[in-house]
Amino acid sequence: MKLVTAIIQPSRLDEVRDTLARIGITGLTVTDVRGFGRQKGHTEVYRGAEFEVEFVAKLRLDMVIPDDRVKPVVDAIADSARTGEIGDGKVFLSDIEEALRIRTKETGDDAL
């Protein structure tokens, strides 16, 4: 099993979610996060005053999937989250040792 963590632009959430649903991914956790990479923030103007926004609003998507679904999921996220502009995000993969569905006590891939 793998934990797929994706950091994406908030405006791309619906497209990513729809694409994942089309390939059969039904479980997803979404968290509002802020951060920066190569963007290093940006300047905004509010009521005539200019100020620096150091941390950019992003979304963090987390899902645990079977090993055989990793490539299609990563490709789906990359294709649907991509705008071609700086700040599109990143995808990270981590190994998951075990999973347990609390209601049924199923473990491993059955818990997913």
Protein backbone atom coordinates (compact mmCIF):
# COMPACT_ATOMS: atom_id res chain seq x y z
CA MET A 1 0.00 0.00 0.00
CA LYS A 2 1.10 3.56 -0.67
CA LEU A 3 0.14 6.91 0.77
CA VAL A 4 -0.20 9.39 -2.09
CA THR A 5 0.08 13.00 -0.93
CA ALA A 6 -0.52 15.72 -3.49
CA ILE A 7 -0.17 19.47 -3.02
CA ILE A 8 -2.31 21.24 -5.64
CA GLN A 9 -3.83 24.61 -6.44
CA PRO A 10 -7.30 25.03 -4.88
CA SER A 11 -8.83 25.85 -8.27
CA ARG A 12 -7.88 22.36 -9.57
CA LEU A 13 -9.66 20.34 -6.86
CA ASP A 14 -12.86 19.58 -8.79
CA GLU A 15 -10.94 18.45 -11.87
CA VAL A 16 -8.62 16.22 -9.80
CA ARG A 17 -11.50 14.73 -7.81
CA ASP A 18 -13.52 13.99 -10.97
CA THR A 19 -10.52 12.39 -12.67
CA LEU A 20 -9.79 10.19 -9.64
CA ALA A 21 -13.45 9.14 -9.46
CA ARG A 22 -13.34 8.12 -13.15
CA ILE A 23 -10.47 5.72 -12.43
CA GLY A 24 -12.20 4.27 -9.37
CA ILE A 25 -10.59 6.13 -6.47
CA THR A 26 -13.32 6.84 -3.95
CA GLY A 27 -11.45 7.74 -0.76
CA LEU A 28 -9.74 11.09 -0.41
CA THR A 29 -8.84 13.48 2.40
CA VAL A 30 -8.51 17.19 1.57
CA THR A 31 -6.77 19.68 3.85
CA ASP A 32 -6.32 23.44 3.39
CA VAL A 33 -2.62 24.24 3.70
CA ARG A 34 -0.31 27.18 3.05
CA GLY A 35 3.27 27.14 1.89
CA PHE A 36 5.70 28.08 -0.84
CA GLY A 37 8.18 26.48 -3.17
CA ARG A 38 9.79 28.16 -6.13
CA GLN A 39 6.96 30.70 -6.14
CA LYS A 40 8.26 32.22 -2.91
CA GLY A 41 4.95 33.99 -2.41
CA HIS A 42 3.62 36.96 -4.33
CA THR A 43 2.59 40.59 -3.95
CA GLU A 44 -1.07 41.62 -3.61
CA VAL A 45 -2.81 44.98 -3.40
CA TYR A 46 -5.59 45.44 -0.83
CA ARG A 47 -7.38 48.80 -0.48
CA GLY A 48 -4.52 50.52 -2.22
CA ALA A 49 -1.84 49.04 0.01
CA GLU A 50 0.66 46.61 -1.44
CA PHE A 51 1.76 43.70 0.73
CA GLU A 52 3.78 40.51 0.36
CA VAL A 53 2.02 37.14 0.70
CA GLU A 54 4.76 34.76 1.78
CA PHE A 55 2.64 31.62 2.07
CA VAL A 56 0.40 30.63 -0.83
CA ALA A 57 -2.91 28.81 -0.26
CA LYS A 58 -2.81 25.20 -1.49
CA LEU A 59 -4.74 21.98 -0.93
CA ARG A 60 -3.23 18.76 0.36
CA LEU A 61 -4.82 15.56 -0.90
CA ASP A 62 -4.10 12.29 0.90
CA MET A 63 -5.16 8.81 -0.17
CA VAL A 64 -3.97 5.29 0.60
CA ILE A 65 -4.09 2.99 -2.40
CA PRO A 66 -2.98 -0.51 -3.36
CA ASP A 67 0.48 -0.76 -4.92
CA ASP A 68 -0.91 -1.73 -8.33
CA ARG A 69 -2.91 1.55 -8.58
CA VAL A 70 -0.01 3.94 -7.93
CA LYS A 71 0.96 4.81 -11.52
CA PRO A 72 -2.62 5.49 -12.75
CA VAL A 73 -3.36 7.62 -9.67
CA VAL A 74 -0.16 9.68 -9.91
CA ASP A 75 -0.69 10.17 -13.66
CA ALA A 76 -4.33 11.21 -13.09
CA ILE A 77 -3.34 13.77 -10.46
CA ALA A 78 -0.47 15.15 -12.53
CA ASP A 79 -2.59 15.46 -15.68
CA SER A 80 -5.64 17.02 -14.02
CA ALA A 81 -3.78 19.38 -11.63
CA ARG A 82 -1.41 20.73 -14.28
CA THR A 83 -1.87 24.28 -15.55
CA GLY A 84 1.65 24.65 -16.91
CA GLU A 85 2.34 27.58 -14.60
CA ILE A 86 4.69 27.77 -11.64
CA GLY A 87 2.98 26.55 -8.45
CA ASP A 88 1.10 23.57 -9.92
CA GLY A 89 2.21 21.45 -6.96
CA LYS A 90 3.87 18.15 -6.16
CA VAL A 91 3.00 14.48 -5.57
CA PHE A 92 4.71 12.43 -2.85
CA LEU A 93 4.60 8.65 -2.30
CA SER A 94 5.14 6.90 1.04
CA ASP A 95 4.96 3.25 2.04
CA ILE A 96 2.12 2.24 4.35
CA GLU A 97 2.84 -0.78 6.49
CA GLU A 98 -0.74 -1.61 7.50
CA ALA A 99 -4.30 -0.30 7.32
CA LEU A 100 -7.31 -1.17 9.49
CA ARG A 101 -10.97 -0.42 8.81
CA ILE A 102 -12.31 0.32 12.28
CA ARG A 103 -15.94 -0.73 11.63
CA THR A 104 -15.19 -4.22 10.26
CA LYS A 105 -11.60 -4.71 11.49
CA GLU A 106 -10.55 -5.60 7.93
CA THR A 107 -6.84 -5.09 7.34
CA GLY A 108 -4.48 -4.52 4.42
CA ASP A 109 -5.95 -3.86 0.97
CA ASP A 110 -9.37 -5.08 2.20
CA ALA A 111 -9.47 -2.09 4.55
CA LEU A 112 -9.14 0.31 1.65
